[in-house]
Amino acid sequence: MTYKTAMMIDQDEYTYYAYAPEWDGGEIESDSLDDVLPRIWQAVAHYLETITEEESVAALY
């Protein structure tokens, strides 16, 4: 199954923050963009592995 989602990356003076706004869950923080990108993808992959089929269908709508 294929999913589409937005990934938001914000930056303040010292830290990058990455998150997927439509999904419940945490925010990834890092002081480097090179570190935050793979970590947010890993978090999304983990989330997709743990949801049920019913939850995955609901996420599409």
C-alpha atoms as a PDB file:
ATOM      1  CA  MET A   1       0.000   0.000   0.000  1.00  0.00           C
ATOM      2  CA  THR A   2       1.233   3.499  -0.783  1.00  0.00           C
ATOM      3  CA  TYR A   3       0.807   6.476   1.527  1.00  0.00           C
ATOM      4  CA  LYS A   4       1.281  10.183   0.991  1.00  0.00           C
ATOM      5  CA  THR A   5       1.995  12.517   3.836  1.00  0.00           C
ATOM      6  CA  ALA A   6       3.493  15.905   4.410  1.00  0.00           C
ATOM      7  CA  MET A   7       6.687  16.191   6.381  1.00  0.00           C
ATOM      8  CA  MET A   8       7.381  19.473   8.051  1.00  0.00           C
ATOM      9  CA  ILE A   9      10.856  20.613   8.984  1.00  0.00           C
ATOM     10  CA  ASP A  10      11.204  23.739  11.063  1.00  0.00           C
ATOM     11  CA  GLN A  11      14.359  25.382  12.309  1.00  0.00           C
ATOM     12  CA  ASP A  12      15.048  27.749  15.132  1.00  0.00           C
ATOM     13  CA  GLU A  13      18.388  29.247  16.003  1.00  0.00           C
ATOM     14  CA  TYR A  14      19.931  25.967  17.168  1.00  0.00           C
ATOM     15  CA  THR A  15      17.656  23.036  16.338  1.00  0.00           C
ATOM     16  CA  TYR A  16      15.808  21.361  13.454  1.00  0.00           C
ATOM     17  CA  TYR A  17      12.352  19.904  14.162  1.00  0.00           C
ATOM     18  CA  ALA A  18      10.716  17.358  11.864  1.00  0.00           C
ATOM     19  CA  TYR A  19       7.199  15.944  12.081  1.00  0.00           C
ATOM     20  CA  ALA A  20       4.291  14.642  10.019  1.00  0.00           C
ATOM     21  CA  PRO A  21       1.378  16.963  10.919  1.00  0.00           C
ATOM     22  CA  GLU A  22      -1.482  14.602  10.132  1.00  0.00           C
ATOM     23  CA  TRP A  23      -0.133  11.753  12.241  1.00  0.00           C
ATOM     24  CA  ASP A  24      -0.145  11.499  16.000  1.00  0.00           C
ATOM     25  CA  GLY A  25       3.268  11.045  17.385  1.00  0.00           C
ATOM     26  CA  GLY A  26       6.391  12.765  18.359  1.00  0.00           C
ATOM     27  CA  GLU A  27       8.597  15.337  16.882  1.00  0.00           C
ATOM     28  CA  ILE A  28      12.170  14.590  15.891  1.00  0.00           C
ATOM     29  CA  GLU A  29      14.757  17.113  17.046  1.00  0.00           C
ATOM     30  CA  SER A  30      18.366  17.453  15.998  1.00  0.00           C
ATOM     31  CA  ASP A  31      21.024  20.089  15.630  1.00  0.00           C
ATOM     32  CA  SER A  32      21.684  18.937  12.050  1.00  0.00           C
ATOM     33  CA  LEU A  33      19.478  18.603   8.979  1.00  0.00           C
ATOM     34  CA  ASP A  34      21.552  15.595   7.898  1.00  0.00           C
ATOM     35  CA  ASP A  35      20.533  13.866  11.131  1.00  0.00           C
ATOM     36  CA  VAL A  36      16.874  14.884  11.323  1.00  0.00           C
ATOM     37  CA  LEU A  37      15.865  13.658   7.839  1.00  0.00           C
ATOM     38  CA  PRO A  38      16.702   9.962   8.225  1.00  0.00           C
ATOM     39  CA  ARG A  39      15.296   9.987  11.750  1.00  0.00           C
ATOM     40  CA  ILE A  40      11.871  11.289  10.643  1.00  0.00           C
ATOM     41  CA  TRP A  41      11.739   8.692   7.841  1.00  0.00           C
ATOM     42  CA  GLN A  42      12.616   5.996  10.369  1.00  0.00           C
ATOM     43  CA  ALA A  43       9.858   7.217  12.708  1.00  0.00           C
ATOM     44  CA  VAL A  44       7.281   7.150   9.891  1.00  0.00           C
ATOM     45  CA  ALA A  45       8.388   3.665   8.817  1.00  0.00           C
ATOM     46  CA  HIS A  46       8.045   2.445  12.392  1.00  0.00           C
ATOM     47  CA  TYR A  47       4.591   4.017  12.673  1.00  0.00           C
ATOM     48  CA  LEU A  48       3.438   2.267   9.489  1.00  0.00           C
ATOM     49  CA  GLU A  49       4.686  -1.068  10.801  1.00  0.00           C
ATOM     50  CA  THR A  50       2.673  -0.743  14.006  1.00  0.00           C
ATOM     51  CA  ILE A  51      -0.745   0.385  12.761  1.00  0.00           C
ATOM     52  CA  THR A  52      -3.517  -2.057  11.975  1.00  0.00           C
ATOM     53  CA  GLU A  53      -5.129  -2.491   8.550  1.00  0.00           C
ATOM     54  CA  GLU A  54      -8.220  -0.564   9.728  1.00  0.00           C
ATOM     55  CA  GLU A  55      -6.092   2.326  10.953  1.00  0.00           C
ATOM     56  CA  SER A  56      -4.157   2.400   7.684  1.00  0.00           C
ATOM     57  CA  VAL A  57      -7.364   2.639   5.649  1.00  0.00           C
ATOM     58  CA  ALA A  58      -8.653   5.410   7.933  1.00  0.00           C
ATOM     59  CA  ALA A  59      -5.386   7.324   7.440  1.00  0.00           C
ATOM     60  CA  LEU A  60      -6.127   7.576   3.728  1.00  0.00           C
ATOM     61  CA  TYR A  61      -9.292   9.614   4.277  1.00  0.00           C
END
